[in-house]
């Protein structure tokens, strides 16, 4: 089972991990460490996969792993109590200060972002694809953390594995959408081999949004999905 960690979160004393596909109980088209209750996979296998992930983090049955119904939005929620598997709210980020709750983000090529203010004992997690990052999901999760007692100047964040610029080809209209919002966004695009196409730096853009939010520090895992 592949589990990557970020030194910036290790230094904050935060148990965490970015998991790959291997090491799961699922088979067939779901053959992976599938933790998505809405995927159509066997519910018992999803439960087992989630148990394995938590076991790898050395977190036993007393800790609840919560995931959202992700919709590529800017919405963040505060988690004050656990919800049943598959009944997570429609949102793309969450924050909590409740002991015994683990926050999970499910991604393919989008960027998973884990955040923490270790002094306030507040954690956050976000699903940052281009839509969510562009529309403000990272600002939303920082604000949700603040409402639970975190301070921006103490929040650290790690950006997990996601699609790299070399692998992310987009049309010129996609780039124009970003540049119309802010001309500085041109820095996240480089020419592609095909005419009228460019390559988009999603992890760079995500990190820039975190820095604009005024948090203390950011780091990237630097792996391409």
C-alpha atoms as a PDB file:
ATOM      1  CA  UNK A   1       0.000   0.000   0.000  1.00  0.00           C
ATOM      2  CA  UNK A   2       1.490   3.336  -1.085  1.00  0.00           C
ATOM      3  CA  UNK A   3       1.198   6.040   1.550  1.00  0.00           C
ATOM      4  CA  UNK A   4       2.916   9.364   0.962  1.00  0.00           C
ATOM      5  CA  UNK A   5       3.290  11.941   3.700  1.00  0.00           C
ATOM      6  CA  UNK A   6       4.265  15.601   3.754  1.00  0.00           C
ATOM      7  CA  UNK A   7       7.034  16.783   6.048  1.00  0.00           C
ATOM      8  CA  UNK A   8       5.158  20.023   6.667  1.00  0.00           C
ATOM      9  CA  UNK A   9       2.336  18.003   8.277  1.00  0.00           C
ATOM     10  CA  UNK A  10       4.654  15.520   9.970  1.00  0.00           C
ATOM     11  CA  UNK A  11       6.303  18.486  11.631  1.00  0.00           C
ATOM     12  CA  UNK A  12       2.902  19.617  12.865  1.00  0.00           C
ATOM     13  CA  UNK A  13       2.355  16.215  14.466  1.00  0.00           C
ATOM     14  CA  UNK A  14      -0.545  15.402  12.145  1.00  0.00           C
ATOM     15  CA  UNK A  15      -1.305  11.775  11.286  1.00  0.00           C
ATOM     16  CA  UNK A  16      -2.049  11.796   7.567  1.00  0.00           C
ATOM     17  CA  UNK A  17      -1.386  10.095   4.275  1.00  0.00           C
ATOM     18  CA  UNK A  18      -1.937  10.309   0.542  1.00  0.00           C
ATOM     19  CA  UNK A  19      -2.814   6.798  -0.637  1.00  0.00           C
ATOM     20  CA  UNK A  20      -2.509   5.240  -4.073  1.00  0.00           C
ATOM     21  CA  UNK A  21      -4.668   2.593  -5.716  1.00  0.00           C
ATOM     22  CA  UNK A  22      -2.848  -0.459  -4.375  1.00  0.00           C
ATOM     23  CA  UNK A  23      -3.637  -2.442  -1.265  1.00  0.00           C
ATOM     24  CA  UNK A  24      -7.419  -2.523  -1.499  1.00  0.00           C
ATOM     25  CA  UNK A  25      -9.956  -5.334  -1.242  1.00  0.00           C
ATOM     26  CA  UNK A  26     -11.987  -4.280  -4.287  1.00  0.00           C
ATOM     27  CA  UNK A  27     -11.820  -6.193  -7.574  1.00  0.00           C
ATOM     28  CA  UNK A  28     -12.898  -5.933 -11.193  1.00  0.00           C
ATOM     29  CA  UNK A  29     -13.399  -2.392 -12.440  1.00  0.00           C
ATOM     30  CA  UNK A  30     -13.012  -1.175  -8.849  1.00  0.00           C
ATOM     31  CA  UNK A  31      -9.752  -3.055  -8.271  1.00  0.00           C
ATOM     32  CA  UNK A  32      -8.060  -0.565  -5.964  1.00  0.00           C
ATOM     33  CA  UNK A  33      -8.153   0.923  -2.494  1.00  0.00           C
ATOM     34  CA  UNK A  34     -11.582   2.288  -3.389  1.00  0.00           C
ATOM     35  CA  UNK A  35     -12.932   4.392  -0.508  1.00  0.00           C
ATOM     36  CA  UNK A  36     -15.815   5.966  -2.429  1.00  0.00           C
ATOM     37  CA  UNK A  37     -19.239   4.913  -1.124  1.00  0.00           C
ATOM     38  CA  UNK A  38     -20.953   6.369  -4.191  1.00  0.00           C
ATOM     39  CA  UNK A  39     -18.830   4.473  -6.707  1.00  0.00           C
ATOM     40  CA  UNK A  40     -21.098   1.459  -7.178  1.00  0.00           C
ATOM     41  CA  UNK A  41     -18.564  -0.854  -5.539  1.00  0.00           C
ATOM     42  CA  UNK A  42     -19.646  -3.433  -2.962  1.00  0.00           C
ATOM     43  CA  UNK A  43     -20.372  -1.515   0.241  1.00  0.00           C
ATOM     44  CA  UNK A  44     -18.591  -4.057   2.435  1.00  0.00           C
ATOM     45  CA  UNK A  45     -15.453  -3.810   0.302  1.00  0.00           C
ATOM     46  CA  UNK A  46     -15.504  -0.011   0.517  1.00  0.00           C
ATOM     47  CA  UNK A  47     -15.807  -0.305   4.298  1.00  0.00           C
ATOM     48  CA  UNK A  48     -12.847  -2.707   4.329  1.00  0.00           C
ATOM     49  CA  UNK A  49     -10.768  -0.372   2.164  1.00  0.00           C
ATOM     50  CA  UNK A  50     -11.478   2.527   4.471  1.00  0.00           C
ATOM     51  CA  UNK A  51     -10.562   0.356   7.461  1.00  0.00           C
ATOM     52  CA  UNK A  52      -7.240  -0.539   5.818  1.00  0.00           C
ATOM     53  CA  UNK A  53      -6.445   3.096   5.150  1.00  0.00           C
ATOM     54  CA  UNK A  54      -7.130   4.022   8.752  1.00  0.00           C
ATOM     55  CA  UNK A  55      -5.096   1.058   9.971  1.00  0.00           C
ATOM     56  CA  UNK A  56      -2.180   2.270   7.873  1.00  0.00           C
ATOM     57  CA  UNK A  57      -2.464   5.627   9.641  1.00  0.00           C
ATOM     58  CA  UNK A  58      -2.418   3.757  12.975  1.00  0.00           C
ATOM     59  CA  UNK A  59      -5.903   5.007  13.694  1.00  0.00           C
ATOM     60  CA  UNK A  60      -8.165   2.327  15.144  1.00  0.00           C
ATOM     61  CA  UNK A  61     -11.923   1.757  15.154  1.00  0.00           C
ATOM     62  CA  UNK A  62     -12.494   4.671  17.512  1.00  0.00           C
ATOM     63  CA  UNK A  63     -11.717   7.167  14.733  1.00  0.00           C
ATOM     64  CA  UNK A  64     -14.361   7.963  12.090  1.00  0.00           C
ATOM     65  CA  UNK A  65     -13.157   8.541   8.523  1.00  0.00           C
ATOM     66  CA  UNK A  66     -15.505  11.004   6.826  1.00  0.00           C
ATOM     67  CA  UNK A  67     -15.731  11.786   3.117  1.00  0.00           C
ATOM     68  CA  UNK A  68     -17.920  14.186   1.174  1.00  0.00           C
ATOM     69  CA  UNK A  69     -20.200  13.976  -1.844  1.00  0.00           C
ATOM     70  CA  UNK A  70     -17.751  15.967  -3.967  1.00  0.00           C
ATOM     71  CA  UNK A  71     -19.237  18.230  -6.658  1.00  0.00           C
ATOM     72  CA  UNK A  72     -16.342  20.459  -7.855  1.00  0.00           C
ATOM     73  CA  UNK A  73     -17.692  23.431  -5.907  1.00  0.00           C
ATOM     74  CA  UNK A  74     -16.327  26.145  -3.630  1.00  0.00           C
ATOM     75  CA  UNK A  75     -18.389  24.911  -0.681  1.00  0.00           C
ATOM     76  CA  UNK A  76     -16.773  23.977   2.624  1.00  0.00           C
ATOM     77  CA  UNK A  77     -18.573  22.549   5.648  1.00  0.00           C
ATOM     78  CA  UNK A  78     -17.767  22.404   9.341  1.00  0.00           C
ATOM     79  CA  UNK A  79     -17.833  18.873  10.726  1.00  0.00           C
ATOM     80  CA  UNK A  80     -19.253  18.778  14.231  1.00  0.00           C
ATOM     81  CA  UNK A  81     -20.296  15.121  14.314  1.00  0.00           C
ATOM     82  CA  UNK A  82     -19.844  12.021  12.134  1.00  0.00           C
ATOM     83  CA  UNK A  83     -22.287  11.034   9.395  1.00  0.00           C
ATOM     84  CA  UNK A  84     -23.138   7.601   8.080  1.00  0.00           C
ATOM     85  CA  UNK A  85     -21.190   6.169   5.153  1.00  0.00           C
ATOM     86  CA  UNK A  86     -22.480   7.566   1.878  1.00  0.00           C
ATOM     87  CA  UNK A  87     -24.437  10.381   3.522  1.00  0.00           C
ATOM     88  CA  UNK A  88     -21.778  13.079   3.422  1.00  0.00           C
ATOM     89  CA  UNK A  89     -22.910  16.586   2.443  1.00  0.00           C
ATOM     90  CA  UNK A  90     -22.447  17.911  -1.079  1.00  0.00           C
ATOM     91  CA  UNK A  91     -19.295  19.995  -0.718  1.00  0.00           C
ATOM     92  CA  UNK A  92     -15.611  19.945  -1.617  1.00  0.00           C
ATOM     93  CA  UNK A  93     -13.892  20.886   1.613  1.00  0.00           C
ATOM     94  CA  UNK A  94     -14.387  20.428   5.322  1.00  0.00           C
ATOM     95  CA  UNK A  95     -12.889  21.418   8.635  1.00  0.00           C
ATOM     96  CA  UNK A  96     -13.179  20.094  12.154  1.00  0.00           C
ATOM     97  CA  UNK A  97     -11.859  20.504  15.683  1.00  0.00           C
ATOM     98  CA  UNK A  98     -13.566  17.371  17.002  1.00  0.00           C
ATOM     99  CA  UNK A  99     -11.232  14.625  18.282  1.00  0.00           C
ATOM    100  CA  UNK A 100     -11.813  11.199  16.761  1.00  0.00           C
ATOM    101  CA  UNK A 101     -12.727  12.461  13.280  1.00  0.00           C
ATOM    102  CA  UNK A 102     -10.500  11.918  10.247  1.00  0.00           C
ATOM    103  CA  UNK A 103     -11.153  13.906   7.068  1.00  0.00           C
ATOM    104  CA  UNK A 104     -10.761  12.171   3.708  1.00  0.00           C
ATOM    105  CA  UNK A 105     -10.666  13.537   0.162  1.00  0.00           C
ATOM    106  CA  UNK A 106     -11.123  11.276  -2.882  1.00  0.00           C
ATOM    107  CA  UNK A 107      -9.370  12.248  -6.105  1.00  0.00           C
ATOM    108  CA  UNK A 108      -8.246  10.996  -9.481  1.00  0.00           C
ATOM    109  CA  UNK A 109      -6.352  13.906 -11.065  1.00  0.00           C
ATOM    110  CA  UNK A 110      -7.639  16.784  -8.917  1.00  0.00           C
ATOM    111  CA  UNK A 111      -5.486  18.021  -6.037  1.00  0.00           C
ATOM    112  CA  UNK A 112      -6.172  16.790  -2.506  1.00  0.00           C
ATOM    113  CA  UNK A 113      -5.206  19.446   0.031  1.00  0.00           C
ATOM    114  CA  UNK A 114      -4.713  18.763   3.743  1.00  0.00           C
ATOM    115  CA  UNK A 115      -4.458  21.660   6.187  1.00  0.00           C
ATOM    116  CA  UNK A 116      -3.836  22.060   9.905  1.00  0.00           C
ATOM    117  CA  UNK A 117      -3.452  24.627  12.635  1.00  0.00           C
ATOM    118  CA  UNK A 118      -1.722  22.429  15.223  1.00  0.00           C
ATOM    119  CA  UNK A 119      -1.975  25.030  17.982  1.00  0.00           C
ATOM    120  CA  UNK A 120      -5.755  25.344  17.654  1.00  0.00           C
ATOM    121  CA  UNK A 121      -6.147  21.601  16.945  1.00  0.00           C
ATOM    122  CA  UNK A 122      -8.150  22.358  13.816  1.00  0.00           C
ATOM    123  CA  UNK A 123      -7.753  20.390  10.597  1.00  0.00           C
ATOM    124  CA  UNK A 124      -9.115  20.865   7.105  1.00  0.00           C
ATOM    125  CA  UNK A 125      -9.249  18.984   3.818  1.00  0.00           C
ATOM    126  CA  UNK A 126     -10.120  20.140   0.323  1.00  0.00           C
ATOM    127  CA  UNK A 127     -10.771  18.714  -3.138  1.00  0.00           C
ATOM    128  CA  UNK A 128      -9.220  21.200  -5.552  1.00  0.00           C
ATOM    129  CA  UNK A 129      -9.783  20.572  -9.211  1.00  0.00           C
ATOM    130  CA  UNK A 130      -9.556  23.550 -11.523  1.00  0.00           C
ATOM    131  CA  UNK A 131     -13.215  24.460 -10.953  1.00  0.00           C
ATOM    132  CA  UNK A 132     -13.013  24.382  -7.181  1.00  0.00           C
ATOM    133  CA  UNK A 133      -9.657  26.125  -6.989  1.00  0.00           C
ATOM    134  CA  UNK A 134     -10.792  28.797  -9.433  1.00  0.00           C
ATOM    135  CA  UNK A 135     -14.090  29.430  -7.648  1.00  0.00           C
ATOM    136  CA  UNK A 136     -12.605  29.606  -4.143  1.00  0.00           C
ATOM    137  CA  UNK A 137     -12.771  26.239  -2.386  1.00  0.00           C
ATOM    138  CA  UNK A 138      -9.413  26.862  -0.699  1.00  0.00           C
ATOM    139  CA  UNK A 139     -10.536  30.220   0.662  1.00  0.00           C
ATOM    140  CA  UNK A 140     -13.678  28.485   1.901  1.00  0.00           C
ATOM    141  CA  UNK A 141     -11.842  25.789   3.838  1.00  0.00           C
ATOM    142  CA  UNK A 142      -9.507  28.336   5.442  1.00  0.00           C
ATOM    143  CA  UNK A 143     -12.545  30.389   6.492  1.00  0.00           C
ATOM    144  CA  UNK A 144     -14.216  27.267   7.909  1.00  0.00           C
ATOM    145  CA  UNK A 145     -11.080  26.518   9.909  1.00  0.00           C
ATOM    146  CA  UNK A 146     -10.975  30.089  11.202  1.00  0.00           C
ATOM    147  CA  UNK A 147     -14.555  29.785  12.415  1.00  0.00           C
ATOM    148  CA  UNK A 148     -13.404  26.849  14.559  1.00  0.00           C
ATOM    149  CA  UNK A 149     -10.554  28.787  16.146  1.00  0.00           C
ATOM    150  CA  UNK A 150      -7.704  28.449  13.650  1.00  0.00           C
ATOM    151  CA  UNK A 151      -5.582  31.421  12.621  1.00  0.00           C
ATOM    152  CA  UNK A 152      -4.347  31.864   9.068  1.00  0.00           C
ATOM    153  CA  UNK A 153      -0.847  32.747  10.190  1.00  0.00           C
ATOM    154  CA  UNK A 154      -0.572  29.280  11.798  1.00  0.00           C
ATOM    155  CA  UNK A 155      -2.199  27.125   9.112  1.00  0.00           C
ATOM    156  CA  UNK A 156       0.060  24.827   7.110  1.00  0.00           C
ATOM    157  CA  UNK A 157      -1.083  22.941   4.012  1.00  0.00           C
ATOM    158  CA  UNK A 158       0.127  20.059   1.869  1.00  0.00           C
ATOM    159  CA  UNK A 159      -0.918  19.512  -1.749  1.00  0.00           C
ATOM    160  CA  UNK A 160      -1.077  15.828  -2.574  1.00  0.00           C
ATOM    161  CA  UNK A 161      -0.481  13.989  -5.848  1.00  0.00           C
ATOM    162  CA  UNK A 162      -2.413  15.404  -8.792  1.00  0.00           C
ATOM    163  CA  UNK A 163      -2.098  15.880 -12.515  1.00  0.00           C
ATOM    164  CA  UNK A 164       1.103  17.667 -13.501  1.00  0.00           C
ATOM    165  CA  UNK A 165       1.440  20.465 -16.012  1.00  0.00           C
ATOM    166  CA  UNK A 166       3.153  18.160 -18.502  1.00  0.00           C
ATOM    167  CA  UNK A 167       0.071  15.907 -18.507  1.00  0.00           C
ATOM    168  CA  UNK A 168      -2.668  18.563 -18.397  1.00  0.00           C
ATOM    169  CA  UNK A 169      -3.425  19.830 -21.896  1.00  0.00           C
ATOM    170  CA  UNK A 170      -6.236  22.364 -22.268  1.00  0.00           C
ATOM    171  CA  UNK A 171      -7.741  24.483 -25.005  1.00  0.00           C
ATOM    172  CA  UNK A 172      -7.004  28.167 -25.457  1.00  0.00           C
ATOM    173  CA  UNK A 173     -10.543  29.025 -24.321  1.00  0.00           C
ATOM    174  CA  UNK A 174      -9.793  27.369 -20.965  1.00  0.00           C
ATOM    175  CA  UNK A 175      -6.754  29.593 -20.486  1.00  0.00           C
ATOM    176  CA  UNK A 176      -8.720  32.653 -21.584  1.00  0.00           C
ATOM    177  CA  UNK A 177     -11.274  31.950 -18.833  1.00  0.00           C
ATOM    178  CA  UNK A 178      -8.496  32.187 -16.231  1.00  0.00           C
ATOM    179  CA  UNK A 179      -6.813  35.214 -17.737  1.00  0.00           C
ATOM    180  CA  UNK A 180     -10.084  37.134 -17.956  1.00  0.00           C
ATOM    181  CA  UNK A 181     -10.444  36.709 -14.196  1.00  0.00           C
ATOM    182  CA  UNK A 182      -6.839  37.787 -13.519  1.00  0.00           C
ATOM    183  CA  UNK A 183      -4.152  38.509 -16.091  1.00  0.00           C
ATOM    184  CA  UNK A 184      -1.577  37.109 -13.650  1.00  0.00           C
ATOM    185  CA  UNK A 185      -3.074  33.671 -14.244  1.00  0.00           C
ATOM    186  CA  UNK A 186      -1.223  33.550 -17.559  1.00  0.00           C
ATOM    187  CA  UNK A 187       1.776  32.271 -15.597  1.00  0.00           C
ATOM    188  CA  UNK A 188       0.053  28.914 -15.072  1.00  0.00           C
ATOM    189  CA  UNK A 189       0.009  28.079 -18.782  1.00  0.00           C
ATOM    190  CA  UNK A 190       2.738  27.083 -21.225  1.00  0.00           C
ATOM    191  CA  UNK A 191       2.375  26.242 -24.930  1.00  0.00           C
ATOM    192  CA  UNK A 192       1.546  22.679 -25.893  1.00  0.00           C
ATOM    193  CA  UNK A 193       2.678  20.833 -29.004  1.00  0.00           C
ATOM    194  CA  UNK A 194      -0.753  21.186 -30.602  1.00  0.00           C
ATOM    195  CA  UNK A 195      -1.960  24.492 -32.040  1.00  0.00           C
ATOM    196  CA  UNK A 196      -4.479  26.382 -29.873  1.00  0.00           C
ATOM    197  CA  UNK A 197      -3.611  24.217 -26.878  1.00  0.00           C
ATOM    198  CA  UNK A 198      -1.655  24.837 -23.685  1.00  0.00           C
ATOM    199  CA  UNK A 199      -0.589  22.960 -20.577  1.00  0.00           C
ATOM    200  CA  UNK A 200      -2.053  24.015 -17.238  1.00  0.00           C
ATOM    201  CA  UNK A 201      -0.130  23.950 -13.954  1.00  0.00           C
ATOM    202  CA  UNK A 202      -2.841  22.828 -11.530  1.00  0.00           C
ATOM    203  CA  UNK A 203      -0.583  22.266  -8.489  1.00  0.00           C
ATOM    204  CA  UNK A 204       1.057  25.646  -9.034  1.00  0.00           C
ATOM    205  CA  UNK A 205      -2.315  27.363  -9.266  1.00  0.00           C
ATOM    206  CA  UNK A 206      -3.587  25.573  -6.159  1.00  0.00           C
ATOM    207  CA  UNK A 207      -0.501  26.577  -4.192  1.00  0.00           C
ATOM    208  CA  UNK A 208      -0.878  30.180  -5.341  1.00  0.00           C
ATOM    209  CA  UNK A 209      -4.463  30.258  -4.063  1.00  0.00           C
ATOM    210  CA  UNK A 210      -3.345  28.943  -0.694  1.00  0.00           C
ATOM    211  CA  UNK A 211      -0.655  31.604  -0.475  1.00  0.00           C
ATOM    212  CA  UNK A 212      -3.160  34.292  -1.443  1.00  0.00           C
ATOM    213  CA  UNK A 213      -5.324  33.086   1.440  1.00  0.00           C
ATOM    214  CA  UNK A 214      -2.519  34.162   3.771  1.00  0.00           C
ATOM    215  CA  UNK A 215      -1.671  30.864   5.433  1.00  0.00           C
ATOM    216  CA  UNK A 216       1.685  30.206   7.085  1.00  0.00           C
ATOM    217  CA  UNK A 217       3.244  27.668   4.737  1.00  0.00           C
ATOM    218  CA  UNK A 218       2.541  25.277   1.879  1.00  0.00           C
ATOM    219  CA  UNK A 219       4.252  22.246   0.400  1.00  0.00           C
ATOM    220  CA  UNK A 220       3.685  19.884  -2.513  1.00  0.00           C
ATOM    221  CA  UNK A 221       4.110  16.130  -2.638  1.00  0.00           C
ATOM    222  CA  UNK A 222       5.126  16.607  -6.267  1.00  0.00           C
ATOM    223  CA  UNK A 223       3.790  13.342  -7.703  1.00  0.00           C
ATOM    224  CA  UNK A 224       1.777  13.212 -10.935  1.00  0.00           C
ATOM    225  CA  UNK A 225      -1.298  11.030 -11.061  1.00  0.00           C
END
